[in-house]
């Protein structure tokens, strides 16, 4: 099954024990422009970091559909025609060597990988021959958070979460306009009270190769 990229990508360089990330809330042209597609395609943030509970594992977080109000969060879902793909370069050439592919179907998130990419590029084949993990999407306000761990140690979660990205947007605009010279402390979080639809994948480092440094980026792809 071939998939084509609908929205832009976010790129982060992950170092041992560290994290670099980028944010992009609802301004991808394919989401906001003429003939826009579902906001379910819009990536807000990508995070990758060593598990604080187990340093033998890496955690990947792909957040989508930013600025969801509580009411919108209750109705939000992952579209079934979109594949969320985490790309991992473990050779330093900025070309994906491994992928983690996430597809929502019938209220569940099915995750394939990490698995060798095959042919890198702008289209993807769903790697059904790789490790598979499936979890029920956690509903907004649910008292129980659904997680699943498969036989190779990969653990996953999918569902609405509070947006973890902090940004003082109003002060940023004032700095750009020249009316302020720096950020305030503490700042005022522009994303407070808003949620995202989040996919979290915890993976044993042994499944990611032996490189001390990996490059990670994410894409949303559709038929």
Protein backbone atom coordinates (compact mmCIF):
# COMPACT_ATOMS: atom_id res chain seq x y z
CA UNK A 1 0.00 0.00 0.00
CA UNK A 2 1.63 3.24 -1.13
CA UNK A 3 1.28 6.46 0.81
CA UNK A 4 2.00 10.04 -0.25
CA UNK A 5 3.10 12.87 2.02
CA UNK A 6 0.35 15.40 2.67
CA UNK A 7 2.01 17.72 5.15
CA UNK A 8 5.49 18.91 6.05
CA UNK A 9 7.96 17.16 8.31
CA UNK A 10 9.57 18.07 11.60
CA UNK A 11 13.22 17.18 12.09
CA UNK A 12 15.01 16.68 15.40
CA UNK A 13 18.52 15.52 16.18
CA UNK A 14 18.54 13.16 19.13
CA UNK A 15 21.71 12.86 21.22
CA UNK A 16 22.41 10.32 23.93
CA UNK A 17 20.51 11.52 26.98
CA UNK A 18 19.32 14.71 25.25
CA UNK A 19 16.55 16.12 23.09
CA UNK A 20 16.08 18.70 20.38
CA UNK A 21 12.57 19.41 19.10
CA UNK A 22 10.52 21.75 16.93
CA UNK A 23 6.94 23.01 17.07
CA UNK A 24 4.49 23.86 14.31
CA UNK A 25 0.83 24.40 15.26
CA UNK A 26 -1.77 24.47 12.46
CA UNK A 27 -0.01 26.36 9.74
CA UNK A 28 1.01 23.68 7.25
CA UNK A 29 -0.31 24.78 3.80
CA UNK A 30 -1.99 21.41 3.19
CA UNK A 31 -4.00 21.92 6.37
CA UNK A 32 -4.80 25.64 6.30
CA UNK A 33 -4.67 26.47 2.59
CA UNK A 34 -7.27 26.16 -0.19
CA UNK A 35 -8.69 22.67 -0.42
CA UNK A 36 -7.20 21.87 2.98
CA UNK A 37 -7.11 18.30 4.25
CA UNK A 38 -8.12 17.03 7.68
CA UNK A 39 -6.36 18.62 10.67
CA UNK A 40 -5.53 15.01 11.55
CA UNK A 41 -2.63 15.36 9.12
CA UNK A 42 -1.10 18.31 10.97
CA UNK A 43 1.96 17.51 13.09
CA UNK A 44 2.49 19.92 15.98
CA UNK A 45 5.58 18.46 17.66
CA UNK A 46 7.98 15.53 17.53
CA UNK A 47 9.93 14.50 20.62
CA UNK A 48 12.56 11.78 21.06
CA UNK A 49 14.31 11.13 24.35
CA UNK A 50 15.79 8.45 26.55
CA UNK A 51 13.20 6.92 28.85
CA UNK A 52 13.56 8.47 32.32
CA UNK A 53 12.40 5.16 33.82
CA UNK A 54 14.72 2.88 31.81
CA UNK A 55 17.85 4.14 30.06
CA UNK A 56 17.86 1.09 27.79
CA UNK A 57 14.82 2.49 25.96
CA UNK A 58 13.99 5.46 23.72
CA UNK A 59 10.65 7.25 23.68
CA UNK A 60 9.20 8.80 20.51
CA UNK A 61 6.23 11.18 20.71
CA UNK A 62 4.32 12.41 17.65
CA UNK A 63 1.66 15.03 18.45
CA UNK A 64 -0.99 16.18 15.98
CA UNK A 65 -4.12 18.38 15.79
CA UNK A 66 -2.93 21.23 17.98
CA UNK A 67 -5.04 23.79 19.86
CA UNK A 68 -7.88 21.37 20.65
CA UNK A 69 -10.32 22.70 23.24
CA UNK A 70 -11.72 20.23 25.81
CA UNK A 71 -14.93 19.99 23.75
CA UNK A 72 -13.00 19.43 20.52
CA UNK A 73 -10.75 16.89 22.27
CA UNK A 74 -13.76 14.77 23.19
CA UNK A 75 -14.74 14.54 19.52
CA UNK A 76 -11.23 14.30 18.03
CA UNK A 77 -9.95 11.11 16.44
CA UNK A 78 -7.09 9.82 14.34
CA UNK A 79 -8.25 9.59 10.68
CA UNK A 80 -8.09 6.07 9.28
CA UNK A 81 -6.69 7.16 5.90
CA UNK A 82 -3.54 8.68 7.40
CA UNK A 83 -0.30 6.93 8.29
CA UNK A 84 1.85 8.59 10.93
CA UNK A 85 5.46 7.66 10.24
CA UNK A 86 8.51 8.15 12.45
CA UNK A 87 11.71 8.02 10.43
CA UNK A 88 15.01 7.06 12.07
CA UNK A 89 18.45 7.60 10.52
CA UNK A 90 21.13 5.66 12.39
CA UNK A 91 23.98 6.10 9.89
CA UNK A 92 24.25 9.89 9.82
CA UNK A 93 23.35 10.39 6.14
CA UNK A 94 19.92 12.01 6.80
CA UNK A 95 18.15 9.15 5.01
CA UNK A 96 15.78 6.95 6.98
CA UNK A 97 17.09 3.48 7.85
CA UNK A 98 14.23 2.44 10.12
CA UNK A 99 10.57 3.44 10.31
CA UNK A 100 7.83 3.22 12.90
CA UNK A 101 4.46 3.36 11.13
CA UNK A 102 1.21 4.11 12.99
CA UNK A 103 -2.26 3.60 11.50
CA UNK A 104 -5.64 4.05 13.24
CA UNK A 105 -8.38 1.53 12.50
CA UNK A 106 -11.66 0.86 14.31
CA UNK A 107 -10.76 2.80 17.43
CA UNK A 108 -7.31 1.25 17.72
CA UNK A 109 -3.80 2.42 16.85
CA UNK A 110 -1.72 -0.22 15.11
CA UNK A 111 2.05 0.33 15.14
CA UNK A 112 4.47 -1.44 12.79
CA UNK A 113 8.19 -1.41 13.54
CA UNK A 114 10.80 -0.33 14.14
CA UNK A 115 11.63 -2.05 10.88
CA UNK A 116 14.03 -1.50 7.97
CA UNK A 117 12.59 1.05 5.58
CA UNK A 118 13.16 -0.81 2.30
CA UNK A 119 13.01 2.04 -0.22
CA UNK A 120 13.29 5.54 1.33
CA UNK A 121 11.55 8.53 -0.18
CA UNK A 122 8.20 10.25 -0.55
CA UNK A 123 6.08 7.09 -0.67
CA UNK A 124 5.89 4.27 1.84
CA UNK A 125 4.74 0.69 1.91
CA UNK A 126 3.16 -0.41 5.17
CA UNK A 127 5.69 -2.78 6.72
CA UNK A 128 3.29 -5.48 7.91
CA UNK A 129 6.15 -8.02 8.13
CA UNK A 130 7.77 -6.06 10.97
CA UNK A 131 6.91 -6.14 14.68
CA UNK A 132 3.27 -5.15 15.28
CA UNK A 133 1.76 -3.56 18.38
CA UNK A 134 -1.90 -2.52 18.79
CA UNK A 135 -3.63 -0.46 21.45
CA UNK A 136 -7.13 0.94 21.90
CA UNK A 137 -7.12 4.73 21.53
CA UNK A 138 -7.64 6.26 24.97
CA UNK A 139 -10.76 8.45 25.10
CA UNK A 140 -10.65 12.03 26.38
CA UNK A 141 -11.23 12.10 30.13
CA UNK A 142 -10.88 8.33 30.49
CA UNK A 143 -10.00 7.14 33.99
CA UNK A 144 -7.73 4.44 32.55
CA UNK A 145 -4.90 5.13 30.10
CA UNK A 146 -4.55 2.35 27.55
CA UNK A 147 -1.02 1.11 26.83
CA UNK A 148 0.24 -2.11 25.28
CA UNK A 149 3.68 -3.75 25.26
CA UNK A 150 4.54 -6.38 22.64
CA UNK A 151 6.94 -9.32 22.86
CA UNK A 152 9.97 -7.31 21.71
CA UNK A 153 9.47 -4.66 24.38
CA UNK A 154 7.83 -1.93 22.28
CA UNK A 155 5.17 -0.06 24.28
CA UNK A 156 2.59 2.31 22.78
CA UNK A 157 -0.12 4.82 23.69
CA UNK A 158 -2.51 6.83 21.50
CA UNK A 159 -5.06 9.47 22.45
CA UNK A 160 -5.62 13.08 23.57
CA UNK A 161 -3.11 14.69 25.92
CA UNK A 162 -2.43 18.17 27.25
CA UNK A 163 -0.15 20.01 24.81
CA UNK A 164 3.30 19.88 26.47
CA UNK A 165 4.80 22.65 24.32
CA UNK A 166 5.23 25.95 26.19
CA UNK A 167 5.40 29.21 24.26
CA UNK A 168 4.73 32.82 25.28
CA UNK A 169 3.21 33.85 21.95
CA UNK A 170 2.01 37.30 22.98
CA UNK A 171 5.44 38.34 24.26
CA UNK A 172 7.07 36.85 21.16
CA UNK A 173 4.87 39.06 18.98
CA UNK A 174 5.81 42.09 21.08
CA UNK A 175 9.51 41.31 20.64
CA UNK A 176 9.06 40.99 16.88
CA UNK A 177 7.17 44.30 16.84
CA UNK A 178 9.99 45.97 18.77
CA UNK A 179 7.90 46.93 21.81
CA UNK A 180 9.71 44.46 24.12
CA UNK A 181 13.35 43.38 24.25
CA UNK A 182 13.08 39.96 25.87
CA UNK A 183 10.86 37.24 27.28
CA UNK A 184 9.32 37.54 30.75
CA UNK A 185 9.89 35.10 33.59
CA UNK A 186 7.65 33.35 34.17
CA UNK A 187 6.12 33.44 30.71
CA UNK A 188 2.46 33.03 29.80
CA UNK A 189 1.80 29.75 27.99
CA UNK A 190 -0.24 30.40 24.83
CA UNK A 191 -1.12 26.68 24.66
CA UNK A 192 -2.44 26.38 28.22
CA UNK A 193 -5.78 24.58 28.30
CA UNK A 194 -5.38 23.10 24.82
CA UNK A 195 -4.75 19.51 23.84
CA UNK A 196 -3.20 17.43 21.07
CA UNK A 197 -3.80 13.95 19.71
CA UNK A 198 -0.67 12.09 20.74
CA UNK A 199 1.09 8.89 19.69
CA UNK A 200 3.78 7.63 22.08
CA UNK A 201 6.09 4.73 21.21
CA UNK A 202 8.70 3.40 23.66
CA UNK A 203 11.31 1.19 22.00
CA UNK A 204 14.31 -0.77 23.32
CA UNK A 205 17.49 0.88 22.07
CA UNK A 206 18.66 -2.52 20.86
CA UNK A 207 16.04 -2.30 18.08
CA UNK A 208 17.45 1.01 16.80
CA UNK A 209 21.00 -0.07 15.89
CA UNK A 210 24.28 0.69 17.58
CA UNK A 211 24.78 4.37 16.67
CA UNK A 212 25.31 6.79 19.58
CA UNK A 213 23.40 9.49 17.70
CA UNK A 214 20.25 9.15 15.60
CA UNK A 215 18.27 11.61 13.50
CA UNK A 216 14.49 11.47 13.88
CA UNK A 217 11.71 13.11 11.88
CA UNK A 218 8.03 12.43 11.29
CA UNK A 219 5.62 12.57 8.38
CA UNK A 220 1.93 12.09 7.82
CA UNK A 221 1.10 10.17 4.65
CA UNK A 222 -2.16 9.35 2.92
CA UNK A 223 -3.43 7.24 0.05
